[in-house]
Amino acid sequence: MASLGKLLLVPAPLDFGCDVQAPLSDALPDATLAAAAGLDHWICENAKSTRAYLKRVHEIHPLVKPVQEQVITELPREVHKKGDHAVAYDARPLLAPALQGHDIGLVSEAGMPAIADPGASVVRAAHDMGLQVQPLVGPVSLLLALAASGLNGQSFAFVGYLPQDAVERAKRIRELESLALKSGQTQLFIETPYRNLALWTALVQTLQPNTRLAVASGLTLPRALVRSDTVKGWKQKPAPLDGDTPAVFLLGR
């Protein structure tokens, strides 16, 4: 009987969708790249971006099989659009190759899979099947942003995306601010890059003057930016981000 394969959580660089890409070896440890190169079974958010990532890996460590021969399976659309916890989904069939001894890589488009990205259902299924789950080292934008923000890193919460409707968004901003100011818990959230400026404007207009607001964009890239100030201070400055670069927003006290 074949020994069971493992599920490897393979981080991806944070430059997905950016017009400039940093050298892969600057963002990911060599051991992570070597482990990725040794896999030929993948579960992913998007097959096209996974193939592009593997081509970049191949430039540093030759892949065990050509990209065209890799077995790459996408998570269902409703899982990666609505989130693993918003739909009832059994990911065990995706892990069937592990029962035959194949190690499987789980990868998202940027950062660590299952952290602000799909994949938790696959990880849960692996545990239910008795498979070893091995997280590899790589960038996690939320933690990089938090560490560089000066906000409370002892108590924090990631709350995903805020509502797009202006009224509902303002209501949610005030709720998060109230929680942050009362408890000291830093609130982190993200937005689709082309809506960054709309969210930033809403934050500056809605939050109280002394609330601290931070933003981190382009992390791990040459143009990486992390800025933190009170809302009162931000009102005297231009918006520190654009509509093309992924960003993490943080508020607290």
Foldseek 3Di string as FASTA:
>chain_A
DAAFAAEEWQFAAQCQQPPDDDQRCLFFPPVSLQVVLAAQAEEEQDLVLVLVRVVSSCVPPNHPDHSVRRHYHYDDPCCFVVHVVVDDDQCLVSRVVRVVPHYYYYYYNHGTDPQLTHDPNVVVNCVVVVHHYHYGDGDDQVVVQVVPAPADPVAEDEDEAFDPPLVRRLVVLVVQAVCQAVPSYKYKYWDQLQCVVVSVVSNLVRDDQQKKKWKWWPPSDPPTDIDIDGSVVCVVDDDPGHSRITMMMMIHD
